[in-house]
C-alpha atoms as a PDB file:
ATOM      1  CA  UNK A   1       0.011   0.010   0.004  1.00  0.00           C
ATOM      2  CA  UNK A   2       2.801   2.325   0.805  1.00  0.00           C
ATOM      3  CA  UNK A   3       4.471   1.700  -2.610  1.00  0.00           C
ATOM      4  CA  UNK A   4       1.133   2.469  -4.281  1.00  0.00           C
ATOM      5  CA  UNK A   5       1.015   5.877  -2.453  1.00  0.00           C
ATOM      6  CA  UNK A   6       4.630   6.887  -3.204  1.00  0.00           C
ATOM      7  CA  UNK A   7       3.777   5.967  -6.918  1.00  0.00           C
ATOM      8  CA  UNK A   8       0.856   8.157  -6.927  1.00  0.00           C
ATOM      9  CA  UNK A   9       2.685  11.036  -5.377  1.00  0.00           C
ATOM     10  CA  UNK A  10       5.604  10.814  -8.016  1.00  0.00           C
ATOM     11  CA  UNK A  11       2.981  10.523 -10.696  1.00  0.00           C
ATOM     12  CA  UNK A  12       1.089  13.657  -9.373  1.00  0.00           C
ATOM     13  CA  UNK A  13       4.467  15.629  -9.122  1.00  0.00           C
ATOM     14  CA  UNK A  14       5.564  14.749 -12.614  1.00  0.00           C
ATOM     15  CA  UNK A  15       2.125  15.778 -14.156  1.00  0.00           C
ATOM     16  CA  UNK A  16       2.153  19.121 -12.264  1.00  0.00           C
ATOM     17  CA  UNK A  17       5.775  19.599 -13.530  1.00  0.00           C
ATOM     18  CA  UNK A  18       4.707  18.781 -17.136  1.00  0.00           C
ATOM     19  CA  UNK A  19       1.631  21.057 -16.841  1.00  0.00           C
ATOM     20  CA  UNK A  20       3.697  24.069 -15.513  1.00  0.00           C
ATOM     21  CA  UNK A  21       6.374  23.585 -18.159  1.00  0.00           C
ATOM     22  CA  UNK A  22       3.744  23.568 -20.858  1.00  0.00           C
ATOM     23  CA  UNK A  23       2.197  26.717 -19.432  1.00  0.00           C
ATOM     24  CA  UNK A  24       5.093  28.840 -18.460  1.00  0.00           C
ATOM     25  CA  UNK A  25       8.187  27.590 -20.576  1.00  0.00           C
ATOM     26  CA  UNK A  26       9.473  30.487 -22.859  1.00  0.00           C
ATOM     27  CA  UNK A  27      10.044  28.017 -25.603  1.00  0.00           C
ATOM     28  CA  UNK A  28       6.584  26.284 -25.314  1.00  0.00           C
ATOM     29  CA  UNK A  29       5.065  24.957 -28.527  1.00  0.00           C
ATOM     30  CA  UNK A  30       1.729  26.552 -29.666  1.00  0.00           C
ATOM     31  CA  UNK A  31      -1.367  25.112 -28.407  1.00  0.00           C
ATOM     32  CA  UNK A  32      -3.243  26.136 -31.317  1.00  0.00           C
ATOM     33  CA  UNK A  33      -2.683  26.525 -35.202  1.00  0.00           C
ATOM     34  CA  UNK A  34      -0.523  29.461 -35.934  1.00  0.00           C
ATOM     35  CA  UNK A  35      -0.477  30.998 -39.405  1.00  0.00           C
ATOM     36  CA  UNK A  36       2.753  31.115 -41.129  1.00  0.00           C
ATOM     37  CA  UNK A  37       4.121  34.843 -41.238  1.00  0.00           C
ATOM     38  CA  UNK A  38       5.005  34.261 -44.914  1.00  0.00           C
ATOM     39  CA  UNK A  39       1.386  33.864 -45.609  1.00  0.00           C
ATOM     40  CA  UNK A  40       0.335  36.835 -43.524  1.00  0.00           C
ATOM     41  CA  UNK A  41       2.166  39.202 -45.530  1.00  0.00           C
ATOM     42  CA  UNK A  42      -0.034  38.628 -48.427  1.00  0.00           C
ATOM     43  CA  UNK A  43      -3.165  39.156 -46.352  1.00  0.00           C
ATOM     44  CA  UNK A  44      -4.967  42.559 -47.008  1.00  0.00           C
ATOM     45  CA  UNK A  45      -7.932  43.898 -45.109  1.00  0.00           C
ATOM     46  CA  UNK A  46     -10.985  45.533 -46.622  1.00  0.00           C
ATOM     47  CA  UNK A  47      -9.920  48.919 -45.358  1.00  0.00           C
ATOM     48  CA  UNK A  48      -6.262  48.376 -46.809  1.00  0.00           C
ATOM     49  CA  UNK A  49      -7.938  47.249 -50.061  1.00  0.00           C
ATOM     50  CA  UNK A  50      -9.989  50.268 -50.378  1.00  0.00           C
ATOM     51  CA  UNK A  51      -6.860  52.491 -49.738  1.00  0.00           C
ATOM     52  CA  UNK A  52      -5.075  50.582 -52.566  1.00  0.00           C
ATOM     53  CA  UNK A  53      -8.116  51.131 -54.825  1.00  0.00           C
ATOM     54  CA  UNK A  54      -7.975  54.690 -54.263  1.00  0.00           C
ATOM     55  CA  UNK A  55      -4.188  54.854 -54.762  1.00  0.00           C
ATOM     56  CA  UNK A  56      -4.619  53.246 -58.238  1.00  0.00           C
ATOM     57  CA  UNK A  57      -5.890  50.579 -60.403  1.00  0.00           C
ATOM     58  CA  UNK A  58      -6.464  47.042 -58.693  1.00  0.00           C
ATOM     59  CA  UNK A  59      -6.987  43.907 -60.521  1.00  0.00           C
ATOM     60  CA  UNK A  60     -10.010  41.748 -58.726  1.00  0.00           C
ATOM     61  CA  UNK A  61      -9.834  37.927 -58.887  1.00  0.00           C
ATOM     62  CA  UNK A  62     -12.894  36.138 -57.865  1.00  0.00           C
ATOM     63  CA  UNK A  63     -11.828  32.614 -56.689  1.00  0.00           C
ATOM     64  CA  UNK A  64     -15.528  31.387 -56.210  1.00  0.00           C
ATOM     65  CA  UNK A  65     -17.380  28.784 -58.368  1.00  0.00           C
ATOM     66  CA  UNK A  66     -19.033  30.076 -61.498  1.00  0.00           C
ATOM     67  CA  UNK A  67     -22.648  29.932 -60.101  1.00  0.00           C
ATOM     68  CA  UNK A  68     -21.861  32.350 -57.252  1.00  0.00           C
ATOM     69  CA  UNK A  69     -19.641  34.510 -59.489  1.00  0.00           C
ATOM     70  CA  UNK A  70     -22.733  35.025 -61.801  1.00  0.00           C
ATOM     71  CA  UNK A  71     -24.930  35.802 -58.931  1.00  0.00           C
ATOM     72  CA  UNK A  72     -22.720  38.757 -58.041  1.00  0.00           C
ATOM     73  CA  UNK A  73     -19.313  39.848 -58.177  1.00  0.00           C
ATOM     74  CA  UNK A  74     -17.027  43.105 -57.910  1.00  0.00           C
ATOM     75  CA  UNK A  75     -17.086  45.086 -61.187  1.00  0.00           C
ATOM     76  CA  UNK A  76     -14.421  44.101 -63.590  1.00  0.00           C
ATOM     77  CA  UNK A  77     -13.304  40.916 -61.461  1.00  0.00           C
ATOM     78  CA  UNK A  78     -11.934  38.019 -63.358  1.00  0.00           C
ATOM     79  CA  UNK A  79     -13.338  34.568 -62.574  1.00  0.00           C
ATOM     80  CA  UNK A  80     -10.395  32.193 -61.816  1.00  0.00           C
ATOM     81  CA  UNK A  81     -11.142  29.263 -59.763  1.00  0.00           C
ATOM     82  CA  UNK A  82      -9.653  25.875 -59.000  1.00  0.00           C
ATOM     83  CA  UNK A  83     -12.245  23.933 -60.784  1.00  0.00           C
ATOM     84  CA  UNK A  84     -11.824  25.640 -64.133  1.00  0.00           C
ATOM     85  CA  UNK A  85      -8.294  26.557 -63.781  1.00  0.00           C
ATOM     86  CA  UNK A  86      -6.990  25.418 -67.041  1.00  0.00           C
ATOM     87  CA  UNK A  87      -9.983  26.840 -69.112  1.00  0.00           C
ATOM     88  CA  UNK A  88     -10.180  30.254 -67.182  1.00  0.00           C
ATOM     89  CA  UNK A  89      -6.251  30.761 -67.566  1.00  0.00           C
ATOM     90  CA  UNK A  90      -6.555  30.151 -71.161  1.00  0.00           C
ATOM     91  CA  UNK A  91      -9.565  32.569 -71.580  1.00  0.00           C
ATOM     92  CA  UNK A  92      -7.986  35.277 -69.180  1.00  0.00           C
ATOM     93  CA  UNK A  93      -4.223  34.902 -70.234  1.00  0.00           C
ATOM     94  CA  UNK A  94      -4.152  38.210 -71.940  1.00  0.00           C
ATOM     95  CA  UNK A  95      -5.854  40.113 -69.432  1.00  0.00           C
ATOM     96  CA  UNK A  96      -3.592  38.804 -66.779  1.00  0.00           C
ATOM     97  CA  UNK A  97      -0.510  39.504 -68.725  1.00  0.00           C
ATOM     98  CA  UNK A  98      -1.765  43.093 -69.349  1.00  0.00           C
ATOM     99  CA  UNK A  99      -1.740  43.747 -65.569  1.00  0.00           C
ATOM    100  CA  UNK A 100       1.676  42.511 -64.506  1.00  0.00           C
ATOM    101  CA  UNK A 101       2.563  45.841 -63.027  1.00  0.00           C
ATOM    102  CA  UNK A 102      -0.708  46.228 -61.118  1.00  0.00           C
ATOM    103  CA  UNK A 103      -1.732  44.811 -57.595  1.00  0.00           C
ATOM    104  CA  UNK A 104      -3.959  41.977 -57.532  1.00  0.00           C
ATOM    105  CA  UNK A 105      -6.479  41.052 -54.861  1.00  0.00           C
ATOM    106  CA  UNK A 106      -8.139  37.627 -54.830  1.00  0.00           C
ATOM    107  CA  UNK A 107     -11.402  37.120 -52.822  1.00  0.00           C
ATOM    108  CA  UNK A 108     -13.841  34.548 -52.254  1.00  0.00           C
ATOM    109  CA  UNK A 109     -16.616  34.079 -49.673  1.00  0.00           C
ATOM    110  CA  UNK A 110     -14.682  35.628 -46.719  1.00  0.00           C
ATOM    111  CA  UNK A 111     -11.906  35.209 -44.330  1.00  0.00           C
ATOM    112  CA  UNK A 112     -12.425  31.513 -43.950  1.00  0.00           C
ATOM    113  CA  UNK A 113     -12.194  30.563 -47.590  1.00  0.00           C
ATOM    114  CA  UNK A 114      -9.071  28.825 -48.606  1.00  0.00           C
ATOM    115  CA  UNK A 115      -9.889  29.113 -52.460  1.00  0.00           C
ATOM    116  CA  UNK A 116      -8.375  32.544 -52.503  1.00  0.00           C
ATOM    117  CA  UNK A 117      -5.209  31.478 -50.958  1.00  0.00           C
ATOM    118  CA  UNK A 118      -4.779  28.761 -53.399  1.00  0.00           C
ATOM    119  CA  UNK A 119      -5.515  30.740 -56.544  1.00  0.00           C
ATOM    120  CA  UNK A 120      -3.154  33.643 -55.107  1.00  0.00           C
ATOM    121  CA  UNK A 121      -0.233  31.232 -54.724  1.00  0.00           C
ATOM    122  CA  UNK A 122      -0.841  30.018 -58.245  1.00  0.00           C
ATOM    123  CA  UNK A 123      -0.871  33.389 -59.542  1.00  0.00           C
ATOM    124  CA  UNK A 124       2.414  34.319 -57.963  1.00  0.00           C
ATOM    125  CA  UNK A 125       4.214  31.069 -58.842  1.00  0.00           C
ATOM    126  CA  UNK A 126       2.826  30.343 -62.194  1.00  0.00           C
ATOM    127  CA  UNK A 127       2.198  33.603 -63.592  1.00  0.00           C
ATOM    128  CA  UNK A 128       4.838  35.712 -61.901  1.00  0.00           C
ATOM    129  CA  UNK A 129       2.267  38.385 -60.697  1.00  0.00           C
ATOM    130  CA  UNK A 130       3.404  40.401 -57.797  1.00  0.00           C
ATOM    131  CA  UNK A 131       2.060  41.503 -55.472  1.00  0.00           C
ATOM    132  CA  UNK A 132      -1.005  39.091 -55.372  1.00  0.00           C
ATOM    133  CA  UNK A 133      -2.998  39.768 -52.038  1.00  0.00           C
ATOM    134  CA  UNK A 134      -5.776  37.629 -50.463  1.00  0.00           C
ATOM    135  CA  UNK A 135      -8.754  39.819 -49.211  1.00  0.00           C
ATOM    136  CA  UNK A 136      -9.037  39.132 -45.434  1.00  0.00           C
ATOM    137  CA  UNK A 137     -12.960  39.925 -45.184  1.00  0.00           C
ATOM    138  CA  UNK A 138     -15.963  39.964 -47.260  1.00  0.00           C
ATOM    139  CA  UNK A 139     -15.794  41.212 -50.837  1.00  0.00           C
ATOM    140  CA  UNK A 140     -19.405  42.558 -50.547  1.00  0.00           C
ATOM    141  CA  UNK A 141     -17.958  45.301 -48.145  1.00  0.00           C
ATOM    142  CA  UNK A 142     -16.169  46.553 -51.136  1.00  0.00           C
ATOM    143  CA  UNK A 143     -19.154  46.755 -53.601  1.00  0.00           C
ATOM    144  CA  UNK A 144     -20.302  50.139 -52.461  1.00  0.00           C
ATOM    145  CA  UNK A 145     -16.861  51.712 -53.111  1.00  0.00           C
ATOM    146  CA  UNK A 146     -16.445  50.257 -56.578  1.00  0.00           C
END
């Protein structure tokens, strides 16, 4: 019985030390998913996007599916999504090459949408467009300013 109590005390002490280390250690790992800082540099808020629009011409890329694009989109936006990537790239190739020197902002259905991130990466890596930002917010907040 005494050995069992000693083992329980040792186990409790080890557990408390592990919890304290996990909470207070300066080099503790993140307990939640952290975005890569390299990805964060390409995020742009609605307010920053409005300022960029005021400063000059911006190219809008809509990364949503065609049905949602046809229901509504920003004026002048180019449809470019993952489902129709090859066909849409062929259709819009000249328009994209004509804007190599202008900032590009990709949007979809809001901040939680990963489609715009994927399209932005493809435009940077395959087309050589720079800068290509991802809208961090709703594109509908921009409609009134366009």
